[in-house]
Amino acid sequence: MEAGQLDRRITIQRPVVTVTEGQEDITWTDVATVWARKTEQRGDEGFAQQQTRGHAVKTFAIRWASFAREITVEYRIAFDGRYYDITDIREVGRREGLEL
């Protein structure tokens, strides 16, 4: 993974669940802020509940780091003022990087 391709700054966040008076609250805490390569994969559009909804899939590739083992699909990515759910995690090479 070439450094020049990692041109986007993303933050990987994990959920923290707290229970107060029987009510679950989810807050997000930062795990790491890293350089990434963003790739547009595909998109589709559908009609549900009297609304047109769009769905876009993006892949973020990052270098391997010690925190990489703990990333799960429960985590999310914060990038450019938006949040992206992680739906798939793939190792690139032998611990060269991850595609999220």
PDB file of N, CA and C in Angstrom:
ATOM      1  N   MET A   1       0.852  -1.169   0.000  1.00  0.00           N
ATOM      2  CA  MET A   1       0.000   0.000   0.000  1.00  0.00           C
ATOM      3  C   MET A   1       0.901   1.236   0.000  1.00  0.00           C
ATOM      4  N   GLU A   2       0.819   2.006  -1.079  1.00  0.00           N
ATOM      5  CA  GLU A   2       1.671   3.172  -1.217  1.00  0.00           C
ATOM      6  C   GLU A   2       1.133   4.355  -0.421  1.00  0.00           C
ATOM      7  N   ALA A   3       2.046   5.072   0.226  1.00  0.00           N
ATOM      8  CA  ALA A   3       1.656   6.189   1.079  1.00  0.00           C
ATOM      9  C   ALA A   3       0.910   7.268   0.303  1.00  0.00           C
ATOM     10  N   GLY A   4       1.263   7.481  -0.951  1.00  0.00           N
ATOM     11  CA  GLY A   4       0.614   8.512  -1.752  1.00  0.00           C
ATOM     12  C   GLY A   4      -0.856   8.251  -2.013  1.00  0.00           C
ATOM     13  N   GLN A   5      -1.269   7.006  -1.936  1.00  0.00           N
ATOM     14  CA  GLN A   5      -2.675   6.661  -2.150  1.00  0.00           C
ATOM     15  C   GLN A   5      -3.526   6.921  -0.914  1.00  0.00           C
ATOM     16  N   LEU A   6      -2.900   7.000   0.239  1.00  0.00           N
ATOM     17  CA  LEU A   6      -3.622   7.223   1.500  1.00  0.00           C
ATOM     18  C   LEU A   6      -3.784   8.730   1.703  1.00  0.00           C
ATOM     19  N   ASP A   7      -4.813   9.284   1.080  1.00  0.00           N
ATOM     20  CA  ASP A   7      -4.955  10.736   1.045  1.00  0.00           C
ATOM     21  C   ASP A   7      -6.187  11.261   1.790  1.00  0.00           C
ATOM     22  N   ARG A   8      -6.853  10.405   2.542  1.00  0.00           N
ATOM     23  CA  ARG A   8      -8.041  10.817   3.311  1.00  0.00           C
ATOM     24  C   ARG A   8      -7.791  10.532   4.784  1.00  0.00           C
ATOM     25  N   ARG A   9      -8.204  11.442   5.633  1.00  0.00           N
ATOM     26  CA  ARG A   9      -8.049  11.264   7.079  1.00  0.00           C
ATOM     27  C   ARG A   9      -9.380  10.773   7.634  1.00  0.00           C
ATOM     28  N   ILE A  10      -9.391   9.566   8.222  1.00  0.00           N
ATOM     29  CA  ILE A  10     -10.619   9.003   8.789  1.00  0.00           C
ATOM     30  C   ILE A  10     -10.414   8.712  10.265  1.00  0.00           C
ATOM     31  N   THR A  11     -11.515   8.632  10.979  1.00  0.00           N
ATOM     32  CA  THR A  11     -11.478   8.253  12.387  1.00  0.00           C
ATOM     33  C   THR A  11     -12.315   6.995  12.561  1.00  0.00           C
ATOM     34  N   ILE A  12     -11.715   5.988  13.159  1.00  0.00           N
ATOM     35  CA  ILE A  12     -12.418   4.744  13.451  1.00  0.00           C
ATOM     36  C   ILE A  12     -12.969   4.869  14.867  1.00  0.00           C
ATOM     37  N   GLN A  13     -14.264   4.592  15.020  1.00  0.00           N
ATOM     38  CA  GLN A  13     -14.932   4.750  16.315  1.00  0.00           C
ATOM     39  C   GLN A  13     -15.593   3.449  16.733  1.00  0.00           C
ATOM     40  N   ARG A  14     -15.647   3.248  18.054  1.00  0.00           N
ATOM     41  CA  ARG A  14     -16.331   2.066  18.584  1.00  0.00           C
ATOM     42  C   ARG A  14     -17.476   2.521  19.480  1.00  0.00           C
ATOM     43  N   PRO A  15     -18.519   1.703  19.553  1.00  0.00           N
ATOM     44  CA  PRO A  15     -19.665   2.075  20.388  1.00  0.00           C
ATOM     45  C   PRO A  15     -19.392   1.794  21.866  1.00  0.00           C
ATOM     46  N   VAL A  16     -19.923   2.657  22.696  1.00  0.00           N
ATOM     47  CA  VAL A  16     -19.875   2.461  24.144  1.00  0.00           C
ATOM     48  C   VAL A  16     -21.320   2.525  24.636  1.00  0.00           C
ATOM     49  N   VAL A  17     -21.781   1.431  25.209  1.00  0.00           N
ATOM     50  CA  VAL A  17     -23.168   1.347  25.678  1.00  0.00           C
ATOM     51  C   VAL A  17     -23.193   1.591  27.180  1.00  0.00           C
ATOM     52  N   THR A  18     -24.015   2.548  27.594  1.00  0.00           N
ATOM     53  CA  THR A  18     -24.215   2.802  29.017  1.00  0.00           C
ATOM     54  C   THR A  18     -25.700   2.609  29.325  1.00  0.00           C
ATOM     55  N   VAL A  19     -25.974   2.069  30.501  1.00  0.00           N
ATOM     56  CA  VAL A  19     -27.359   1.838  30.913  1.00  0.00           C
ATOM     57  C   VAL A  19     -27.654   2.746  32.100  1.00  0.00           C
ATOM     58  N   THR A  20     -28.652   3.612  31.924  1.00  0.00           N
ATOM     59  CA  THR A  20     -29.074   4.527  32.978  1.00  0.00           C
ATOM     60  C   THR A  20     -30.566   4.343  33.181  1.00  0.00           C
ATOM     61  N   GLU A  21     -30.947   3.929  34.375  1.00  0.00           N
ATOM     62  CA  GLU A  21     -32.346   3.712  34.724  1.00  0.00           C
ATOM     63  C   GLU A  21     -33.040   2.816  33.700  1.00  0.00           C
ATOM     64  N   GLY A  22     -32.358   1.753  33.303  1.00  0.00           N
ATOM     65  CA  GLY A  22     -32.921   0.789  32.372  1.00  0.00           C
ATOM     66  C   GLY A  22     -32.890   1.211  30.913  1.00  0.00           C
ATOM     67  N   GLN A  23     -32.400   2.401  30.633  1.00  0.00           N
ATOM     68  CA  GLN A  23     -32.344   2.925  29.269  1.00  0.00           C
ATOM     69  C   GLN A  23     -30.919   2.802  28.729  1.00  0.00           C
ATOM     70  N   GLU A  24     -30.786   2.157  27.551  1.00  0.00           N
ATOM     71  CA  GLU A  24     -29.464   2.029  26.934  1.00  0.00           C
ATOM     72  C   GLU A  24     -29.158   3.260  26.098  1.00  0.00           C
ATOM     73  N   ASP A  25     -27.982   3.814  26.303  1.00  0.00           N
ATOM     74  CA  ASP A  25     -27.513   4.934  25.495  1.00  0.00           C
ATOM     75  C   ASP A  25     -26.220   4.514  24.813  1.00  0.00           C
ATOM     76  N   ILE A  26     -26.097   4.835  23.531  1.00  0.00           N
ATOM     77  CA  ILE A  26     -24.880   4.517  22.791  1.00  0.00           C
ATOM     78  C   ILE A  26     -24.156   5.805  22.476  1.00  0.00           C
ATOM     79  N   THR A  27     -22.905   5.859  22.887  1.00  0.00           N
ATOM     80  CA  THR A  27     -22.024   6.958  22.512  1.00  0.00           C
ATOM     81  C   THR A  27     -20.857   6.349  21.743  1.00  0.00           C
ATOM     82  N   TRP A  28     -20.121   7.164  21.036  1.00  0.00           N
ATOM     83  CA  TRP A  28     -19.015   6.677  20.218  1.00  0.00           C
ATOM     84  C   TRP A  28     -17.713   7.271  20.706  1.00  0.00           C
ATOM     85  N   THR A  29     -16.708   6.428  20.795  1.00  0.00           N
ATOM     86  CA  THR A  29     -15.392   6.872  21.214  1.00  0.00           C
ATOM     87  C   THR A  29     -14.386   6.566  20.109  1.00  0.00           C
ATOM     88  N   ASP A  30     -13.439   7.466  19.928  1.00  0.00           N
ATOM     89  CA  ASP A  30     -12.430   7.302  18.879  1.00  0.00           C
ATOM     90  C   ASP A  30     -11.431   6.217  19.247  1.00  0.00           C
ATOM     91  N   VAL A  31     -11.165   5.327  18.295  1.00  0.00           N
ATOM     92  CA  VAL A  31     -10.146   4.294  18.452  1.00  0.00           C
ATOM     93  C   VAL A  31      -8.838   4.786  17.862  1.00  0.00           C
ATOM     94  N   ALA A  32      -8.917   5.346  16.645  1.00  0.00           N
ATOM     95  CA  ALA A  32      -7.714   5.844  15.965  1.00  0.00           C
ATOM     96  C   ALA A  32      -8.118   6.774  14.832  1.00  0.00           C
ATOM     97  N   THR A  33      -7.257   7.717  14.536  1.00  0.00           N
ATOM     98  CA  THR A  33      -7.388   8.565  13.360  1.00  0.00           C
ATOM     99  C   THR A  33      -6.215   8.236  12.462  1.00  0.00           C
ATOM    100  N   VAL A  34      -6.520   7.794  11.241  1.00  0.00           N
ATOM    101  CA  VAL A  34      -5.488   7.267  10.339  1.00  0.00           C
ATOM    102  C   VAL A  34      -5.689   7.801   8.920  1.00  0.00           C
ATOM    103  N   TRP A  35      -4.653   7.626   8.096  1.00  0.00           N
ATOM    104  CA  TRP A  35      -4.736   7.948   6.679  1.00  0.00           C
ATOM    105  C   TRP A  35      -5.337   6.763   5.950  1.00  0.00           C
ATOM    106  N   ALA A  36      -6.170   7.040   4.957  1.00  0.00           N
ATOM    107  CA  ALA A  36      -6.856   5.985   4.226  1.00  0.00           C
ATOM    108  C   ALA A  36      -7.004   6.338   2.750  1.00  0.00           C
ATOM    109  N   ARG A  37      -7.280   5.305   1.968  1.00  0.00           N
ATOM    110  CA  ARG A  37      -7.655   5.475   0.561  1.00  0.00           C
ATOM    111  C   ARG A  37      -9.139   5.165   0.472  1.00  0.00           C
ATOM    112  N   LYS A  38      -9.889   6.079  -0.144  1.00  0.00           N
ATOM    113  CA  LYS A  38     -11.335   5.883  -0.283  1.00  0.00           C
ATOM    114  C   LYS A  38     -11.639   5.467  -1.717  1.00  0.00           C
ATOM    115  N   THR A  39     -12.452   4.414  -1.868  1.00  0.00           N
ATOM    116  CA  THR A  39     -12.859   3.931  -3.178  1.00  0.00           C
ATOM    117  C   THR A  39     -14.373   3.813  -3.207  1.00  0.00           C
ATOM    118  N   GLU A  40     -14.982   4.346  -4.255  1.00  0.00           N
ATOM    119  CA  GLU A  40     -16.427   4.201  -4.448  1.00  0.00           C
ATOM    120  C   GLU A  40     -16.660   2.832  -5.060  1.00  0.00           C
ATOM    121  N   GLN A  41     -17.528   2.028  -4.482  1.00  0.00           N
ATOM    122  CA  GLN A  41     -17.759   0.683  -4.974  1.00  0.00           C
ATOM    123  C   GLN A  41     -18.984   0.579  -5.864  1.00  0.00           C
ATOM    124  N   ARG A  42     -20.126   0.863  -5.320  1.00  0.00           N
ATOM    125  CA  ARG A  42     -21.362   0.766  -6.081  1.00  0.00           C
ATOM    126  C   ARG A  42     -22.443   1.542  -5.336  1.00  0.00           C
ATOM    127  N   GLY A  43     -23.536   1.709  -5.999  1.00  0.00           N
ATOM    128  CA  GLY A  43     -24.653   2.385  -5.361  1.00  0.00           C
ATOM    129  C   GLY A  43     -25.951   1.882  -5.955  1.00  0.00           C
ATOM    130  N   ASP A  44     -27.016   2.095  -5.229  1.00  0.00           N
ATOM    131  CA  ASP A  44     -28.325   1.750  -5.753  1.00  0.00           C
ATOM    132  C   ASP A  44     -29.354   2.686  -5.152  1.00  0.00           C
ATOM    133  N   GLU A  45     -30.536   2.601  -5.685  1.00  0.00           N
ATOM    134  CA  GLU A  45     -31.588   3.478  -5.221  1.00  0.00           C
ATOM    135  C   GLU A  45     -32.856   2.658  -5.122  1.00  0.00           C
ATOM    136  N   GLY A  46     -33.646   2.928  -4.124  1.00  0.00           N
ATOM    137  CA  GLY A  46     -34.889   2.186  -3.955  1.00  0.00           C
ATOM    138  C   GLY A  46     -35.985   3.082  -3.425  1.00  0.00           C
ATOM    139  N   PHE A  47     -37.178   2.538  -3.360  1.00  0.00           N
ATOM    140  CA  PHE A  47     -38.328   3.272  -2.879  1.00  0.00           C
ATOM    141  C   PHE A  47     -38.910   2.512  -1.702  1.00  0.00           C
ATOM    142  N   ALA A  48     -38.933   3.133  -0.535  1.00  0.00           N
ATOM    143  CA  ALA A  48     -39.467   2.492   0.665  1.00  0.00           C
ATOM    144  C   ALA A  48     -40.140   3.549   1.529  1.00  0.00           C
ATOM    145  N   GLN A  49     -41.245   3.200   2.095  1.00  0.00           N
ATOM    146  CA  GLN A  49     -41.990   4.070   3.004  1.00  0.00           C
ATOM    147  C   GLN A  49     -42.245   5.440   2.371  1.00  0.00           C
ATOM    148  N   GLN A  50     -42.670   5.428   1.124  1.00  0.00           N
ATOM    149  CA  GLN A  50     -43.013   6.623   0.368  1.00  0.00           C
ATOM    150  C   GLN A  50     -41.845   7.593   0.227  1.00  0.00           C
ATOM    151  N   GLN A  51     -40.622   7.063   0.236  1.00  0.00           N
ATOM    152  CA  GLN A  51     -39.431   7.891   0.049  1.00  0.00           C
ATOM    153  C   GLN A  51     -38.453   7.165  -0.857  1.00  0.00           C
ATOM    154  N   THR A  52     -37.746   7.931  -1.652  1.00  0.00           N
ATOM    155  CA  THR A  52     -36.664   7.362  -2.447  1.00  0.00           C
ATOM    156  C   THR A  52     -35.423   7.369  -1.579  1.00  0.00           C
ATOM    157  N   ARG A  53     -34.775   6.221  -1.494  1.00  0.00           N
ATOM    158  CA  ARG A  53     -33.587   6.103  -0.656  1.00  0.00           C
ATOM    159  C   ARG A  53     -32.412   5.658  -1.505  1.00  0.00           C
ATOM    160  N   GLY A  54     -31.281   6.294  -1.279  1.00  0.00           N
ATOM    161  CA  GLY A  54     -30.062   5.920  -1.977  1.00  0.00           C
ATOM    162  C   GLY A  54     -29.138   5.161  -1.039  1.00  0.00           C
ATOM    163  N   HIS A  55     -28.321   4.319  -1.628  1.00  0.00           N
ATOM    164  CA  HIS A  55     -27.385   3.518  -0.840  1.00  0.00           C
ATOM    165  C   HIS A  55     -26.061   3.485  -1.591  1.00  0.00           C
ATOM    166  N   ALA A  56     -25.005   3.972  -0.973  1.00  0.00           N
ATOM    167  CA  ALA A  56     -23.695   3.984  -1.614  1.00  0.00           C
ATOM    168  C   ALA A  56     -22.722   3.164  -0.777  1.00  0.00           C
ATOM    169  N   VAL A  57     -21.880   2.406  -1.447  1.00  0.00           N
ATOM    170  CA  VAL A  57     -20.879   1.590  -0.758  1.00  0.00           C
ATOM    171  C   VAL A  57     -19.511   2.186  -1.034  1.00  0.00           C
ATOM    172  N   LYS A  58     -18.779   2.428   0.032  1.00  0.00           N
ATOM    173  CA  LYS A  58     -17.423   2.958  -0.070  1.00  0.00           C
ATOM    174  C   LYS A  58     -16.478   1.998   0.644  1.00  0.00           C
ATOM    175  N   THR A  59     -15.275   1.902   0.152  1.00  0.00           N
ATOM    176  CA  THR A  59     -14.259   1.090   0.810  1.00  0.00           C
ATOM    177  C   THR A  59     -13.137   2.016   1.245  1.00  0.00           C
ATOM    178  N   PHE A  60     -12.736   1.875   2.501  1.00  0.00           N
ATOM    179  CA  PHE A  60     -11.599   2.623   3.023  1.00  0.00           C
ATOM    180  C   PHE A  60     -10.481   1.623   3.292  1.00  0.00           C
ATOM    181  N   ALA A  61      -9.327   1.860   2.692  1.00  0.00           N
ATOM    182  CA  ALA A  61      -8.163   0.999   2.907  1.00  0.00           C
ATOM    183  C   ALA A  61      -7.195   1.731   3.819  1.00  0.00           C
ATOM    184  N   ILE A  62      -6.731   1.047   4.858  1.00  0.00           N
ATOM    185  CA  ILE A  62      -5.785   1.634   5.810  1.00  0.00           C
ATOM    186  C   ILE A  62      -4.601   0.688   5.990  1.00  0.00           C
ATOM    187  N   ARG A  63      -3.513   1.217   6.513  1.00  0.00           N
ATOM    188  CA  ARG A  63      -2.366   0.371   6.841  1.00  0.00           C
ATOM    189  C   ARG A  63      -2.673  -0.447   8.091  1.00  0.00           C
ATOM    190  N   TRP A  64      -2.019  -1.593   8.201  1.00  0.00           N
ATOM    191  CA  TRP A  64      -2.171  -2.444   9.382  1.00  0.00           C
ATOM    192  C   TRP A  64      -1.585  -1.728  10.589  1.00  0.00           C
ATOM    193  N   ALA A  65      -2.242  -1.832  11.712  1.00  0.00           N
ATOM    194  CA  ALA A  65      -1.763  -1.258  12.972  1.00  0.00           C
ATOM    195  C   ALA A  65      -2.205  -2.172  14.103  1.00  0.00           C
ATOM    196  N   SER A  66      -1.671  -1.956  15.276  1.00  0.00           N
ATOM    197  CA  SER A  66      -1.970  -2.837  16.408  1.00  0.00           C
ATOM    198  C   SER A  66      -3.463  -2.880  16.743  1.00  0.00           C
ATOM    199  N   PHE A  67      -4.193  -1.803  16.541  1.00  0.00           N
ATOM    200  CA  PHE A  67      -5.621  -1.775  16.859  1.00  0.00           C
ATOM    201  C   PHE A  67      -6.466  -2.538  15.831  1.00  0.00           C
ATOM    202  N   ALA A  68      -5.874  -2.932  14.711  1.00  0.00           N
ATOM    203  CA  ALA A  68      -6.629  -3.565  13.623  1.00  0.00           C
ATOM    204  C   ALA A  68      -7.333  -4.845  14.060  1.00  0.00           C
ATOM    205  N   ARG A  69      -6.754  -5.584  14.972  1.00  0.00           N
ATOM    206  CA  ARG A  69      -7.363  -6.845  15.433  1.00  0.00           C
ATOM    207  C   ARG A  69      -8.701  -6.636  16.134  1.00  0.00           C
ATOM    208  N   GLU A  70      -8.873  -5.482  16.757  1.00  0.00           N
ATOM    209  CA  GLU A  70     -10.094  -5.270  17.539  1.00  0.00           C
ATOM    210  C   GLU A  70     -11.258  -4.710  16.719  1.00  0.00           C
ATOM    211  N   ILE A  71     -11.033  -4.271  15.487  1.00  0.00           N
ATOM    212  CA  ILE A  71     -12.097  -3.692  14.678  1.00  0.00           C
ATOM    213  C   ILE A  71     -13.123  -4.765  14.310  1.00  0.00           C
ATOM    214  N   THR A  72     -14.388  -4.455  14.519  1.00  0.00           N
ATOM    215  CA  THR A  72     -15.485  -5.355  14.166  1.00  0.00           C
ATOM    216  C   THR A  72     -16.512  -4.575  13.347  1.00  0.00           C
ATOM    217  N   VAL A  73     -17.536  -5.265  12.891  1.00  0.00           N
ATOM    218  CA  VAL A  73     -18.598  -4.597  12.133  1.00  0.00           C
ATOM    219  C   VAL A  73     -19.492  -3.730  13.020  1.00  0.00           C
ATOM    220  N   GLU A  74     -19.248  -3.760  14.310  1.00  0.00           N
ATOM    221  CA  GLU A  74     -19.988  -2.861  15.214  1.00  0.00           C
ATOM    222  C   GLU A  74     -19.371  -1.463  15.222  1.00  0.00           C
ATOM    223  N   TYR A  75     -18.157  -1.339  14.723  1.00  0.00           N
ATOM    224  CA  TYR A  75     -17.470  -0.046  14.661  1.00  0.00           C
ATOM    225  C   TYR A  75     -18.010   0.769  13.490  1.00  0.00           C
ATOM    226  N   ARG A  76     -17.607   2.041  13.428  1.00  0.00           N
ATOM    227  CA  ARG A  76     -17.975   2.882  12.302  1.00  0.00           C
ATOM    228  C   ARG A  76     -16.801   3.788  11.945  1.00  0.00           C
ATOM    229  N   ILE A  77     -16.919   4.424  10.794  1.00  0.00           N
ATOM    230  CA  ILE A  77     -15.890   5.342  10.319  1.00  0.00           C
ATOM    231  C   ILE A  77     -16.497   6.733  10.239  1.00  0.00           C
ATOM    232  N   ALA A  78     -15.788   7.710  10.766  1.00  0.00           N
ATOM    233  CA  ALA A  78     -16.172   9.113  10.639  1.00  0.00           C
ATOM    234  C   ALA A  78     -15.258   9.734   9.588  1.00  0.00           C
ATOM    235  N   PHE A  79     -15.876  10.299   8.545  1.00  0.00           N
ATOM    236  CA  PHE A  79     -15.098  10.915   7.476  1.00  0.00           C
ATOM    237  C   PHE A  79     -15.883  12.061   6.869  1.00  0.00           C
ATOM    238  N   ASP A  80     -15.259  13.201   6.803  1.00  0.00           N
ATOM    239  CA  ASP A  80     -15.815  14.362   6.104  1.00  0.00           C
ATOM    240  C   ASP A  80     -17.219  14.718   6.597  1.00  0.00           C
ATOM    241  N   GLY A  81     -17.421  14.656   7.910  1.00  0.00           N
ATOM    242  CA  GLY A  81     -18.700  15.042   8.497  1.00  0.00           C
ATOM    243  C   GLY A  81     -19.796  13.994   8.397  1.00  0.00           C
ATOM    244  N   ARG A  82     -19.454  12.786   7.921  1.00  0.00           N
ATOM    245  CA  ARG A  82     -20.433  11.713   7.805  1.00  0.00           C
ATOM    246  C   ARG A  82     -19.938  10.480   8.537  1.00  0.00           C
ATOM    247  N   TYR A  83     -20.881   9.575   8.814  1.00  0.00           N
ATOM    248  CA  TYR A  83     -20.550   8.326   9.491  1.00  0.00           C
ATOM    249  C   TYR A  83     -20.890   7.156   8.579  1.00  0.00           C
ATOM    250  N   TYR A  84     -19.977   6.201   8.514  1.00  0.00           N
ATOM    251  CA  TYR A  84     -20.143   5.028   7.656  1.00  0.00           C
ATOM    252  C   TYR A  84     -20.074   3.774   8.514  1.00  0.00           C
ATOM    253  N   ASP A  85     -21.108   2.937   8.425  1.00  0.00           N
ATOM    254  CA  ASP A  85     -21.104   1.657   9.129  1.00  0.00           C
ATOM    255  C   ASP A  85     -20.100   0.731   8.461  1.00  0.00           C
ATOM    256  N   ILE A  86     -19.395  -0.031   9.253  1.00  0.00           N
ATOM    257  CA  ILE A  86     -18.481  -1.033   8.719  1.00  0.00           C
ATOM    258  C   ILE A  86     -19.275  -2.315   8.536  1.00  0.00           C
ATOM    259  N   THR A  87     -19.340  -2.798   7.302  1.00  0.00           N
ATOM    260  CA  THR A  87     -20.111  -4.002   7.010  1.00  0.00           C
ATOM    261  C   THR A  87     -19.223  -5.179   6.632  1.00  0.00           C
ATOM    262  N   ASP A  88     -17.948  -4.907   6.348  1.00  0.00           N
ATOM    263  CA  ASP A  88     -17.028  -5.965   5.944  1.00  0.00           C
ATOM    264  C   ASP A  88     -15.612  -5.534   6.283  1.00  0.00           C
ATOM    265  N   ILE A  89     -14.803  -6.493   6.701  1.00  0.00           N
ATOM    266  CA  ILE A  89     -13.401  -6.224   7.047  1.00  0.00           C
ATOM    267  C   ILE A  89     -12.550  -7.264   6.333  1.00  0.00           C
ATOM    268  N   ARG A  90     -11.618  -6.793   5.508  1.00  0.00           N
ATOM    269  CA  ARG A  90     -10.748  -7.709   4.773  1.00  0.00           C
ATOM    270  C   ARG A  90      -9.294  -7.353   4.999  1.00  0.00           C
ATOM    271  N   GLU A  91      -8.493  -8.360   5.295  1.00  0.00           N
ATOM    272  CA  GLU A  91      -7.055  -8.153   5.459  1.00  0.00           C
ATOM    273  C   GLU A  91      -6.416  -8.074   4.078  1.00  0.00           C
ATOM    274  N   VAL A  92      -5.518  -7.124   3.905  1.00  0.00           N
ATOM    275  CA  VAL A  92      -4.786  -6.957   2.649  1.00  0.00           C
ATOM    276  C   VAL A  92      -3.385  -7.519   2.860  1.00  0.00           C
ATOM    277  N   GLY A  93      -3.003  -8.503   2.048  1.00  0.00           N
ATOM    278  CA  GLY A  93      -1.686  -9.121   2.196  1.00  0.00           C
ATOM    279  C   GLY A  93      -1.544  -9.782   3.553  1.00  0.00           C
ATOM    280  N   ARG A  94      -0.317  -9.925   3.974  1.00  0.00           N
ATOM    281  CA  ARG A  94      -0.049 -10.450   5.319  1.00  0.00           C
ATOM    282  C   ARG A  94       0.146  -9.283   6.264  1.00  0.00           C
ATOM    283  N   ARG A  95      -0.986  -8.818   6.785  1.00  0.00           N
ATOM    284  CA  ARG A  95      -0.985  -7.677   7.710  1.00  0.00           C
ATOM    285  C   ARG A  95      -0.338  -6.431   7.114  1.00  0.00           C
ATOM    286  N   GLU A  96      -0.585  -6.225   5.825  1.00  0.00           N
ATOM    287  CA  GLU A  96      -0.144  -4.986   5.193  1.00  0.00           C
ATOM    288  C   GLU A  96      -1.178  -3.882   5.435  1.00  0.00           C
ATOM    289  N   GLY A  97      -2.449  -4.285   5.447  1.00  0.00           N
ATOM    290  CA  GLY A  97      -3.507  -3.285   5.627  1.00  0.00           C
ATOM    291  C   GLY A  97      -4.846  -3.947   5.806  1.00  0.00           C
ATOM    292  N   LEU A  98      -5.858  -3.105   5.899  1.00  0.00           N
ATOM    293  CA  LEU A  98      -7.243  -3.556   6.024  1.00  0.00           C
ATOM    294  C   LEU A  98      -8.097  -2.776   5.041  1.00  0.00           C
ATOM    295  N   GLU A  99      -9.106  -3.448   4.516  1.00  0.00           N
ATOM    296  CA  GLU A  99     -10.141  -2.768   3.739  1.00  0.00           C
ATOM    297  C   GLU A  99     -11.413  -2.838   4.563  1.00  0.00           C
ATOM    298  N   LEU A 100     -12.001  -1.685   4.807  1.00  0.00           N
ATOM    299  CA  LEU A 100     -13.210  -1.567   5.616  1.00  0.00           C
ATOM    300  C   LEU A 100     -14.333  -1.042   4.740  1.00  0.00           C
TER     301      LEU A 100
END
